[in-house]
PDB file of N, CA and C in Angstrom:
ATOM      1  N   MET A   1       0.823  -1.188   0.000  1.00  0.00           N
ATOM      2  CA  MET A   1       0.000   0.000   0.000  1.00  0.00           C
ATOM      3  C   MET A   1       0.870   1.256   0.000  1.00  0.00           C
ATOM      4  N   ARG A   2       1.958   1.211   0.703  1.00  0.00           N
ATOM      5  CA  ARG A   2       2.857   2.365   0.734  1.00  0.00           C
ATOM      6  C   ARG A   2       3.488   2.619  -0.630  1.00  0.00           C
ATOM      7  N   GLU A   3       3.707   1.542  -1.383  1.00  0.00           N
ATOM      8  CA  GLU A   3       4.279   1.716  -2.708  1.00  0.00           C
ATOM      9  C   GLU A   3       3.306   2.480  -3.605  1.00  0.00           C
ATOM     10  N   LEU A   4       1.996   2.174  -3.494  1.00  0.00           N
ATOM     11  CA  LEU A   4       1.000   2.882  -4.285  1.00  0.00           C
ATOM     12  C   LEU A   4       0.940   4.349  -3.889  1.00  0.00           C
ATOM     13  N   ASP A   5       0.965   4.625  -2.597  1.00  0.00           N
ATOM     14  CA  ASP A   5       0.952   6.012  -2.133  1.00  0.00           C
ATOM     15  C   ASP A   5       2.154   6.753  -2.697  1.00  0.00           C
ATOM     16  N   PHE A   6       3.267   6.093  -2.687  1.00  0.00           N
ATOM     17  CA  PHE A   6       4.497   6.699  -3.202  1.00  0.00           C
ATOM     18  C   PHE A   6       4.355   7.002  -4.686  1.00  0.00           C
ATOM     19  N   CYS A   7       3.735   6.076  -5.438  1.00  0.00           N
ATOM     20  CA  CYS A   7       3.556   6.277  -6.880  1.00  0.00           C
ATOM     21  C   CYS A   7       2.632   7.451  -7.150  1.00  0.00           C
ATOM     22  N   TYR A   8       1.548   7.565  -6.384  1.00  0.00           N
ATOM     23  CA  TYR A   8       0.625   8.674  -6.587  1.00  0.00           C
ATOM     24  C   TYR A   8       1.284  10.007  -6.254  1.00  0.00           C
ATOM     25  N   ASP A   9       2.127  10.012  -5.261  1.00  0.00           N
ATOM     26  CA  ASP A   9       2.826  11.242  -4.906  1.00  0.00           C
ATOM     27  C   ASP A   9       3.759  11.684  -6.019  1.00  0.00           C
ATOM     28  N   GLN A  10       4.321  10.754  -6.732  1.00  0.00           N
ATOM     29  CA  GLN A  10       5.291  11.086  -7.764  1.00  0.00           C
ATOM     30  C   GLN A  10       4.636  11.522  -9.084  1.00  0.00           C
ATOM     31  N   MET A  11       3.351  11.110  -9.322  1.00  0.00           N
ATOM     32  CA  MET A  11       2.677  11.475 -10.562  1.00  0.00           C
ATOM     33  C   MET A  11       2.150  12.893 -10.441  1.00  0.00           C
ATOM     34  N   LYS A  12       2.562  13.746 -11.341  1.00  0.00           N
ATOM     35  CA  LYS A  12       2.102  15.119 -11.295  1.00  0.00           C
ATOM     36  C   LYS A  12       1.407  15.522 -12.588  1.00  0.00           C
ATOM     37  N   ASP A  13       1.937  15.124 -13.696  1.00  0.00           N
ATOM     38  CA  ASP A  13       1.386  15.533 -14.981  1.00  0.00           C
ATOM     39  C   ASP A  13       1.248  14.302 -15.868  1.00  0.00           C
ATOM     40  N   VAL A  14      -0.033  13.929 -16.121  1.00  0.00           N
ATOM     41  CA  VAL A  14      -0.285  12.766 -16.971  1.00  0.00           C
ATOM     42  C   VAL A  14      -0.922  13.281 -18.253  1.00  0.00           C
ATOM     43  N   ARG A  15      -0.346  12.935 -19.363  1.00  0.00           N
ATOM     44  CA  ARG A  15      -0.883  13.359 -20.652  1.00  0.00           C
ATOM     45  C   ARG A  15      -1.380  12.132 -21.405  1.00  0.00           C
ATOM     46  N   LEU A  16      -2.643  12.220 -21.781  1.00  0.00           N
ATOM     47  CA  LEU A  16      -3.254  11.128 -22.535  1.00  0.00           C
ATOM     48  C   LEU A  16      -3.152  11.443 -24.024  1.00  0.00           C
ATOM     49  N   PRO A  17      -2.993  10.427 -24.824  1.00  0.00           N
ATOM     50  CA  PRO A  17      -2.976  10.657 -26.270  1.00  0.00           C
ATOM     51  C   PRO A  17      -4.285  11.300 -26.721  1.00  0.00           C
ATOM     52  N   LEU A  18      -4.219  12.128 -27.733  1.00  0.00           N
ATOM     53  CA  LEU A  18      -5.379  12.859 -28.231  1.00  0.00           C
ATOM     54  C   LEU A  18      -6.511  11.913 -28.638  1.00  0.00           C
ATOM     55  N   GLN A  19      -6.168  10.799 -29.244  1.00  0.00           N
ATOM     56  CA  GLN A  19      -7.182   9.832 -29.673  1.00  0.00           C
ATOM     57  C   GLN A  19      -7.916   9.250 -28.466  1.00  0.00           C
ATOM     58  N   LEU A  20      -7.192   8.981 -27.391  1.00  0.00           N
ATOM     59  CA  LEU A  20      -7.815   8.459 -26.166  1.00  0.00           C
ATOM     60  C   LEU A  20      -8.698   9.527 -25.536  1.00  0.00           C
ATOM     61  N   GLN A  21      -8.257  10.775 -25.548  1.00  0.00           N
ATOM     62  CA  GLN A  21      -9.079  11.871 -25.012  1.00  0.00           C
ATOM     63  C   GLN A  21     -10.388  11.986 -25.776  1.00  0.00           C
ATOM     64  N   ARG A  22     -10.296  11.884 -27.102  1.00  0.00           N
ATOM     65  CA  ARG A  22     -11.505  11.961 -27.926  1.00  0.00           C
ATOM     66  C   ARG A  22     -12.440  10.794 -27.652  1.00  0.00           C
ATOM     67  N   ALA A  23     -11.880   9.610 -27.499  1.00  0.00           N
ATOM     68  CA  ALA A  23     -12.699   8.425 -27.214  1.00  0.00           C
ATOM     69  C   ALA A  23     -13.404   8.573 -25.864  1.00  0.00           C
ATOM     70  N   MET A  24     -12.684   9.076 -24.875  1.00  0.00           N
ATOM     71  CA  MET A  24     -13.271   9.278 -23.548  1.00  0.00           C
ATOM     72  C   MET A  24     -14.364  10.347 -23.602  1.00  0.00           C
ATOM     73  N   ALA A  25     -14.140  11.409 -24.361  1.00  0.00           N
ATOM     74  CA  ALA A  25     -15.143  12.463 -24.503  1.00  0.00           C
ATOM     75  C   ALA A  25     -16.389  11.936 -25.206  1.00  0.00           C
ATOM     76  N   ALA A  26     -16.189  11.133 -26.241  1.00  0.00           N
ATOM     77  CA  ALA A  26     -17.323  10.561 -26.974  1.00  0.00           C
ATOM     78  C   ALA A  26     -18.129   9.619 -26.077  1.00  0.00           C
ATOM     79  N   GLU A  27     -17.426   8.829 -25.279  1.00  0.00           N
ATOM     80  CA  GLU A  27     -18.116   7.925 -24.351  1.00  0.00           C
ATOM     81  C   GLU A  27     -18.909   8.712 -23.320  1.00  0.00           C
ATOM     82  N   ALA A  28     -18.327   9.778 -22.789  1.00  0.00           N
ATOM     83  CA  ALA A  28     -19.028  10.604 -21.798  1.00  0.00           C
ATOM     84  C   ALA A  28     -20.251  11.269 -22.422  1.00  0.00           C
ATOM     85  N   GLU A  29     -20.110  11.735 -23.657  1.00  0.00           N
ATOM     86  CA  GLU A  29     -21.228  12.380 -24.338  1.00  0.00           C
ATOM     87  C   GLU A  29     -22.363  11.388 -24.593  1.00  0.00           C
ATOM     88  N   SER A  30     -22.018  10.184 -25.025  1.00  0.00           N
ATOM     89  CA  SER A  30     -23.068   9.191 -25.282  1.00  0.00           C
ATOM     90  C   SER A  30     -23.746   8.779 -23.980  1.00  0.00           C
ATOM     91  N   SER A  31     -22.995   8.754 -22.903  1.00  0.00           N
ATOM     92  CA  SER A  31     -23.587   8.439 -21.596  1.00  0.00           C
ATOM     93  C   SER A  31     -24.564   9.539 -21.179  1.00  0.00           C
ATOM     94  N   ARG A  32     -24.176  10.794 -21.378  1.00  0.00           N
ATOM     95  CA  ARG A  32     -25.075  11.913 -21.049  1.00  0.00           C
ATOM     96  C   ARG A  32     -26.322  11.876 -21.921  1.00  0.00           C
ATOM     97  N   ASP A  33     -26.147  11.584 -23.208  1.00  0.00           N
ATOM     98  CA  ASP A  33     -27.287  11.493 -24.117  1.00  0.00           C
ATOM     99  C   ASP A  33     -28.253  10.396 -23.684  1.00  0.00           C
ATOM    100  N   ALA A  34     -27.707   9.255 -23.292  1.00  0.00           N
ATOM    101  CA  ALA A  34     -28.547   8.134 -22.858  1.00  0.00           C
ATOM    102  C   ALA A  34     -29.338   8.517 -21.610  1.00  0.00           C
ATOM    103  N   LYS A  35     -28.664   9.167 -20.663  1.00  0.00           N
ATOM    104  CA  LYS A  35     -29.359   9.598 -19.438  1.00  0.00           C
ATOM    105  C   LYS A  35     -30.436  10.623 -19.763  1.00  0.00           C
ATOM    106  N   ALA A  36     -30.150  11.544 -20.684  1.00  0.00           N
ATOM    107  CA  ALA A  36     -31.133  12.555 -21.069  1.00  0.00           C
ATOM    108  C   ALA A  36     -32.355  11.905 -21.712  1.00  0.00           C
ATOM    109  N   LYS A  37     -32.136  10.879 -22.520  1.00  0.00           N
ATOM    110  CA  LYS A  37     -33.255  10.181 -23.159  1.00  0.00           C
ATOM    111  C   LYS A  37     -34.119   9.475 -22.124  1.00  0.00           C
ATOM    112  N   VAL A  38     -33.488   8.909 -21.108  1.00  0.00           N
ATOM    113  CA  VAL A  38     -34.248   8.240 -20.047  1.00  0.00           C
ATOM    114  C   VAL A  38     -35.097   9.260 -19.291  1.00  0.00           C
ATOM    115  N   VAL A  39     -34.502  10.399 -18.971  1.00  0.00           N
ATOM    116  CA  VAL A  39     -35.237  11.449 -18.255  1.00  0.00           C
ATOM    117  C   VAL A  39     -36.398  11.952 -19.106  1.00  0.00           C
ATOM    118  N   ALA A  40     -36.159  12.168 -20.400  1.00  0.00           N
ATOM    119  CA  ALA A  40     -37.224  12.623 -21.297  1.00  0.00           C
ATOM    120  C   ALA A  40     -38.343  11.590 -21.394  1.00  0.00           C
ATOM    121  N   ALA A  41     -37.992  10.323 -21.473  1.00  0.00           N
ATOM    122  CA  ALA A  41     -38.998   9.261 -21.557  1.00  0.00           C
ATOM    123  C   ALA A  41     -39.828   9.198 -20.282  1.00  0.00           C
ATOM    124  N   GLU A  42     -39.173   9.366 -19.145  1.00  0.00           N
ATOM    125  CA  GLU A  42     -39.917   9.364 -17.878  1.00  0.00           C
ATOM    126  C   GLU A  42     -40.864  10.556 -17.808  1.00  0.00           C
ATOM    127  N   GLY A  43     -40.428  11.699 -18.319  1.00  0.00           N
ATOM    128  CA  GLY A  43     -41.299  12.880 -18.370  1.00  0.00           C
ATOM    129  C   GLY A  43     -42.502  12.649 -19.264  1.00  0.00           C
ATOM    130  N   GLU A  44     -42.279  12.030 -20.414  1.00  0.00           N
ATOM    131  CA  GLU A  44     -43.381  11.707 -21.321  1.00  0.00           C
ATOM    132  C   GLU A  44     -44.371  10.749 -20.664  1.00  0.00           C
ATOM    133  N   GLN A  45     -43.830   9.795 -19.941  1.00  0.00           N
ATOM    134  CA  GLN A  45     -44.685   8.815 -19.257  1.00  0.00           C
ATOM    135  C   GLN A  45     -45.547   9.505 -18.193  1.00  0.00           C
ATOM    136  N   GLN A  46     -44.957  10.412 -17.436  1.00  0.00           N
ATOM    137  CA  GLN A  46     -45.708  11.149 -16.419  1.00  0.00           C
ATOM    138  C   GLN A  46     -46.772  12.035 -17.068  1.00  0.00           C
ATOM    139  N   ALA A  47     -46.418  12.668 -18.179  1.00  0.00           N
ATOM    140  CA  ALA A  47     -47.383  13.514 -18.877  1.00  0.00           C
ATOM    141  C   ALA A  47     -48.553  12.682 -19.402  1.00  0.00           C
ATOM    142  N   ALA A  48     -48.265  11.509 -19.923  1.00  0.00           N
ATOM    143  CA  ALA A  48     -49.324  10.628 -20.427  1.00  0.00           C
ATOM    144  C   ALA A  48     -50.254  10.191 -19.295  1.00  0.00           C
ATOM    145  N   ARG A  49     -49.670   9.888 -18.144  1.00  0.00           N
ATOM    146  CA  ARG A  49     -50.511   9.511 -16.987  1.00  0.00           C
ATOM    147  C   ARG A  49     -51.411  10.677 -16.564  1.00  0.00           C
ATOM    148  N   ALA A  50     -50.833  11.883 -16.543  1.00  0.00           N
ATOM    149  CA  ALA A  50     -51.614  13.059 -16.147  1.00  0.00           C
ATOM    150  C   ALA A  50     -52.746  13.319 -17.142  1.00  0.00           C
ATOM    151  N   LEU A  51     -52.471  13.149 -18.438  1.00  0.00           N
ATOM    152  CA  LEU A  51     -53.520  13.328 -19.440  1.00  0.00           C
ATOM    153  C   LEU A  51     -54.625  12.287 -19.292  1.00  0.00           C
ATOM    154  N   LYS A  52     -54.239  11.052 -18.973  1.00  0.00           N
ATOM    155  CA  LYS A  52     -55.244  10.008 -18.773  1.00  0.00           C
ATOM    156  C   LYS A  52     -56.128  10.331 -17.570  1.00  0.00           C
ATOM    157  N   GLU A  53     -55.504  10.800 -16.494  1.00  0.00           N
ATOM    158  CA  GLU A  53     -56.275  11.168 -15.306  1.00  0.00           C
ATOM    159  C   GLU A  53     -57.222  12.325 -15.619  1.00  0.00           C
ATOM    160  N   ALA A  54     -56.745  13.306 -16.394  1.00  0.00           N
ATOM    161  CA  ALA A  54     -57.595  14.433 -16.776  1.00  0.00           C
ATOM    162  C   ALA A  54     -58.769  13.959 -17.633  1.00  0.00           C
ATOM    163  N   ALA A  55     -58.491  13.049 -18.548  1.00  0.00           N
ATOM    164  CA  ALA A  55     -59.561  12.506 -19.389  1.00  0.00           C
ATOM    165  C   ALA A  55     -60.588  11.758 -18.553  1.00  0.00           C
ATOM    166  N   ASP A  56     -60.125  11.029 -17.546  1.00  0.00           N
ATOM    167  CA  ASP A  56     -61.048  10.312 -16.663  1.00  0.00           C
ATOM    168  C   ASP A  56     -61.946  11.285 -15.909  1.00  0.00           C
ATOM    169  N   VAL A  57     -61.370  12.381 -15.428  1.00  0.00           N
ATOM    170  CA  VAL A  57     -62.156  13.384 -14.699  1.00  0.00           C
ATOM    171  C   VAL A  57     -63.184  14.020 -15.622  1.00  0.00           C
ATOM    172  N   ILE A  58     -62.765  14.358 -16.827  1.00  0.00           N
ATOM    173  CA  ILE A  58     -63.684  14.982 -17.782  1.00  0.00           C
ATOM    174  C   ILE A  58     -64.800  14.013 -18.171  1.00  0.00           C
ATOM    175  N   THR A  59     -64.466  12.736 -18.290  1.00  0.00           N
ATOM    176  CA  THR A  59     -65.483  11.730 -18.618  1.00  0.00           C
ATOM    177  C   THR A  59     -66.525  11.629 -17.515  1.00  0.00           C
ATOM    178  N   GLU A  60     -66.086  11.734 -16.275  1.00  0.00           N
ATOM    179  CA  GLU A  60     -67.012  11.630 -15.139  1.00  0.00           C
ATOM    180  C   GLU A  60     -67.896  12.866 -15.008  1.00  0.00           C
ATOM    181  N   SER A  61     -67.407  14.014 -15.455  1.00  0.00           N
ATOM    182  CA  SER A  61     -68.161  15.258 -15.303  1.00  0.00           C
ATOM    183  C   SER A  61     -68.137  16.042 -16.611  1.00  0.00           C
ATOM    184  N   PRO A  62     -69.230  16.004 -17.368  1.00  0.00           N
ATOM    185  CA  PRO A  62     -69.256  16.719 -18.650  1.00  0.00           C
ATOM    186  C   PRO A  62     -69.008  18.228 -18.504  1.00  0.00           C
ATOM    187  N   ALA A  63     -69.397  18.807 -17.383  1.00  0.00           N
ATOM    188  CA  ALA A  63     -69.183  20.246 -17.174  1.00  0.00           C
ATOM    189  C   ALA A  63     -67.693  20.567 -17.043  1.00  0.00           C
ATOM    190  N   ALA A  64     -66.891  19.581 -16.684  1.00  0.00           N
ATOM    191  CA  ALA A  64     -65.452  19.801 -16.527  1.00  0.00           C
ATOM    192  C   ALA A  64     -64.822  20.227 -17.845  1.00  0.00           C
ATOM    193  N   MET A  65     -65.292  19.692 -18.945  1.00  0.00           N
ATOM    194  CA  MET A  65     -64.735  20.056 -20.248  1.00  0.00           C
ATOM    195  C   MET A  65     -65.040  21.512 -20.565  1.00  0.00           C
ATOM    196  N   GLN A  66     -66.257  21.930 -20.285  1.00  0.00           N
ATOM    197  CA  GLN A  66     -66.620  23.324 -20.529  1.00  0.00           C
ATOM    198  C   GLN A  66     -65.815  24.262 -19.644  1.00  0.00           C
ATOM    199  N   LEU A  67     -65.622  23.885 -18.383  1.00  0.00           N
ATOM    200  CA  LEU A  67     -64.822  24.706 -17.474  1.00  0.00           C
ATOM    201  C   LEU A  67     -63.368  24.796 -17.938  1.00  0.00           C
ATOM    202  N   ARG A  68     -62.841  23.702 -18.428  1.00  0.00           N
ATOM    203  CA  ARG A  68     -61.464  23.703 -18.918  1.00  0.00           C
ATOM    204  C   ARG A  68     -61.340  24.593 -20.152  1.00  0.00           C
ATOM    205  N   TYR A  69     -62.340  24.543 -20.989  1.00  0.00           N
ATOM    206  CA  TYR A  69     -62.367  25.381 -22.180  1.00  0.00           C
ATOM    207  C   TYR A  69     -62.358  26.857 -21.785  1.00  0.00           C
ATOM    208  N   LEU A  70     -63.181  27.214 -20.803  1.00  0.00           N
ATOM    209  CA  LEU A  70     -63.228  28.603 -20.339  1.00  0.00           C
ATOM    210  C   LEU A  70     -61.907  29.015 -19.685  1.00  0.00           C
ATOM    211  N   GLN A  71     -61.273  28.101 -18.972  1.00  0.00           N
ATOM    212  CA  GLN A  71     -59.960  28.387 -18.390  1.00  0.00           C
ATOM    213  C   GLN A  71     -58.937  28.689 -19.483  1.00  0.00           C
ATOM    214  N   THR A  72     -58.981  27.925 -20.547  1.00  0.00           N
ATOM    215  CA  THR A  72     -58.060  28.138 -21.668  1.00  0.00           C
ATOM    216  C   THR A  72     -58.287  29.508 -22.292  1.00  0.00           C
ATOM    217  N   LEU A  73     -59.549  29.874 -22.492  1.00  0.00           N
ATOM    218  CA  LEU A  73     -59.850  31.194 -23.045  1.00  0.00           C
ATOM    219  C   LEU A  73     -59.370  32.308 -22.121  1.00  0.00           C
ATOM    220  N   THR A  74     -59.538  32.115 -20.822  1.00  0.00           N
ATOM    221  CA  THR A  74     -59.060  33.101 -19.845  1.00  0.00           C
ATOM    222  C   THR A  74     -57.551  33.247 -19.919  1.00  0.00           C
ATOM    223  N   GLY A  75     -56.860  32.120 -20.052  1.00  0.00           N
ATOM    224  CA  GLY A  75     -55.398  32.159 -20.163  1.00  0.00           C
ATOM    225  C   GLY A  75     -54.942  32.878 -21.414  1.00  0.00           C
ATOM    226  N   ILE A  76     -55.628  32.645 -22.518  1.00  0.00           N
ATOM    227  CA  ILE A  76     -55.281  33.310 -23.771  1.00  0.00           C
ATOM    228  C   ILE A  76     -55.523  34.814 -23.639  1.00  0.00           C
ATOM    229  N   ALA A  77     -56.646  35.177 -23.050  1.00  0.00           N
ATOM    230  CA  ALA A  77     -56.977  36.596 -22.905  1.00  0.00           C
ATOM    231  C   ALA A  77     -55.978  37.304 -21.990  1.00  0.00           C
ATOM    232  N   ALA A  78     -55.482  36.610 -20.982  1.00  0.00           N
ATOM    233  CA  ALA A  78     -54.528  37.218 -20.054  1.00  0.00           C
ATOM    234  C   ALA A  78     -53.176  37.438 -20.720  1.00  0.00           C
ATOM    235  N   GLU A  79     -52.791  36.550 -21.620  1.00  0.00           N
ATOM    236  CA  GLU A  79     -51.487  36.655 -22.281  1.00  0.00           C
ATOM    237  C   GLU A  79     -51.485  37.710 -23.373  1.00  0.00           C
ATOM    238  N   ARG A  80     -52.564  37.815 -24.103  1.00  0.00           N
ATOM    239  CA  ARG A  80     -52.601  38.719 -25.247  1.00  0.00           C
ATOM    240  C   ARG A  80     -53.844  39.598 -25.161  1.00  0.00           C
ATOM    241  N   ASN A  81     -53.673  40.820 -25.495  1.00  0.00           N
ATOM    242  CA  ASN A  81     -54.814  41.715 -25.554  1.00  0.00           C
ATOM    243  C   ASN A  81     -55.376  41.644 -26.967  1.00  0.00           C
ATOM    244  N   SER A  82     -56.269  40.689 -27.191  1.00  0.00           N
ATOM    245  CA  SER A  82     -56.789  40.490 -28.534  1.00  0.00           C
ATOM    246  C   SER A  82     -58.239  40.030 -28.476  1.00  0.00           C
ATOM    247  N   THR A  83     -58.856  40.010 -29.604  1.00  0.00           N
ATOM    248  CA  THR A  83     -60.236  39.555 -29.704  1.00  0.00           C
ATOM    249  C   THR A  83     -60.264  38.032 -29.719  1.00  0.00           C
ATOM    250  N   ILE A  84     -61.196  37.471 -28.949  1.00  0.00           N
ATOM    251  CA  ILE A  84     -61.345  36.018 -28.913  1.00  0.00           C
ATOM    252  C   ILE A  84     -62.654  35.657 -29.594  1.00  0.00           C
ATOM    253  N   ILE A  85     -62.584  34.787 -30.546  1.00  0.00           N
ATOM    254  CA  ILE A  85     -63.789  34.279 -31.210  1.00  0.00           C
ATOM    255  C   ILE A  85     -64.256  33.078 -30.405  1.00  0.00           C
ATOM    256  N   PHE A  86     -65.482  33.149 -29.941  1.00  0.00           N
ATOM    257  CA  PHE A  86     -66.023  32.130 -29.059  1.00  0.00           C
ATOM    258  C   PHE A  86     -66.890  31.180 -29.881  1.00  0.00           C
ATOM    259  N   PRO A  87     -66.360  30.033 -30.283  1.00  0.00           N
ATOM    260  CA  PRO A  87     -67.152  29.117 -31.103  1.00  0.00           C
ATOM    261  C   PRO A  87     -68.271  28.449 -30.289  1.00  0.00           C
ATOM    262  N   LEU A  88     -69.405  28.304 -30.928  1.00  0.00           N
ATOM    263  CA  LEU A  88     -70.533  27.631 -30.299  1.00  0.00           C
ATOM    264  C   LEU A  88     -70.788  26.316 -31.034  1.00  0.00           C
ATOM    265  N   PRO A  89     -71.194  25.286 -30.301  1.00  0.00           N
ATOM    266  CA  PRO A  89     -71.522  24.027 -30.973  1.00  0.00           C
ATOM    267  C   PRO A  89     -72.717  24.210 -31.912  1.00  0.00           C
ATOM    268  N   ILE A  90     -72.707  23.480 -32.990  1.00  0.00           N
ATOM    269  CA  ILE A  90     -73.790  23.552 -34.000  1.00  0.00           C
ATOM    270  C   ILE A  90     -75.136  23.249 -33.353  1.00  0.00           C
ATOM    271  N   ASP A  91     -75.165  22.322 -32.409  1.00  0.00           N
ATOM    272  CA  ASP A  91     -76.432  21.958 -31.756  1.00  0.00           C
ATOM    273  C   ASP A  91     -77.070  23.177 -31.096  1.00  0.00           C
ATOM    274  N   MET A  92     -76.254  23.993 -30.440  1.00  0.00           N
ATOM    275  CA  MET A  92     -76.787  25.179 -29.771  1.00  0.00           C
ATOM    276  C   MET A  92     -77.325  26.182 -30.789  1.00  0.00           C
ATOM    277  N   LEU A  93     -76.619  26.321 -31.898  1.00  0.00           N
ATOM    278  CA  LEU A  93     -77.091  27.245 -32.935  1.00  0.00           C
ATOM    279  C   LEU A  93     -78.429  26.785 -33.511  1.00  0.00           C
ATOM    280  N   GLN A  94     -78.560  25.492 -33.738  1.00  0.00           N
ATOM    281  CA  GLN A  94     -79.806  24.948 -34.290  1.00  0.00           C
ATOM    282  C   GLN A  94     -80.965  25.174 -33.312  1.00  0.00           C
ATOM    283  N   LEU A  95     -80.713  25.010 -32.012  1.00  0.00           N
ATOM    284  CA  LEU A  95     -81.752  25.246 -31.021  1.00  0.00           C
ATOM    285  C   LEU A  95     -82.178  26.704 -31.014  1.00  0.00           C
ATOM    286  N   MET A  96     -81.210  27.615 -31.116  1.00  0.00           N
ATOM    287  CA  MET A  96     -81.537  29.045 -31.138  1.00  0.00           C
ATOM    288  C   MET A  96     -82.343  29.408 -32.379  1.00  0.00           C
ATOM    289  N   LEU A  97     -81.986  28.817 -33.519  1.00  0.00           N
ATOM    290  CA  LEU A  97     -82.717  29.091 -34.751  1.00  0.00           C
ATOM    291  C   LEU A  97     -84.149  28.570 -34.668  1.00  0.00           C
ATOM    292  N   LYS A  98     -84.359  27.401 -34.079  1.00  0.00           N
ATOM    293  CA  LYS A  98     -85.710  26.840 -33.944  1.00  0.00           C
ATOM    294  C   LYS A  98     -86.560  27.705 -33.018  1.00  0.00           C
ATOM    295  N   LYS A  99     -85.950  28.210 -31.929  1.00  0.00           N
ATOM    296  CA  LYS A  99     -86.689  29.027 -30.981  1.00  0.00           C
ATOM    297  C   LYS A  99     -87.058  30.369 -31.601  1.00  0.00           C
ATOM    298  N   SER A 100     -86.203  30.899 -32.453  1.00  0.00           N
ATOM    299  CA  SER A 100     -86.490  32.203 -33.054  1.00  0.00           C
ATOM    300  C   SER A 100     -87.600  32.105 -34.124  1.00  0.00           C
ATOM    301  N   LYS A 101     -87.812  30.937 -34.703  1.00  0.00           N
ATOM    302  CA  LYS A 101     -88.864  30.752 -35.720  1.00  0.00           C
ATOM    303  C   LYS A 101     -90.161  30.557 -35.009  1.00  0.00           C
TER     304      LYS A 101
END
């Protein structure tokens, strides 16, 4: 063990060949890329679960979809000072036309 300590004390400047440095850099980069892909995939998986849960809630309560729609319009109006065209379902238009006749 003392011989190893002695060797480490004596090493001050280690130069690796350029080709080895490039290989090590490429390996480190591919490792980072692989980890990033795993993190991205886990994020996608969490987002998919959240969307499924939201769909389940909306399925249980039809009014939830309308409320979400209004929330989206509110968010758009808050971000931009612009005119919002409020689309109405065809069924509602047909009912209004029948009542007016």
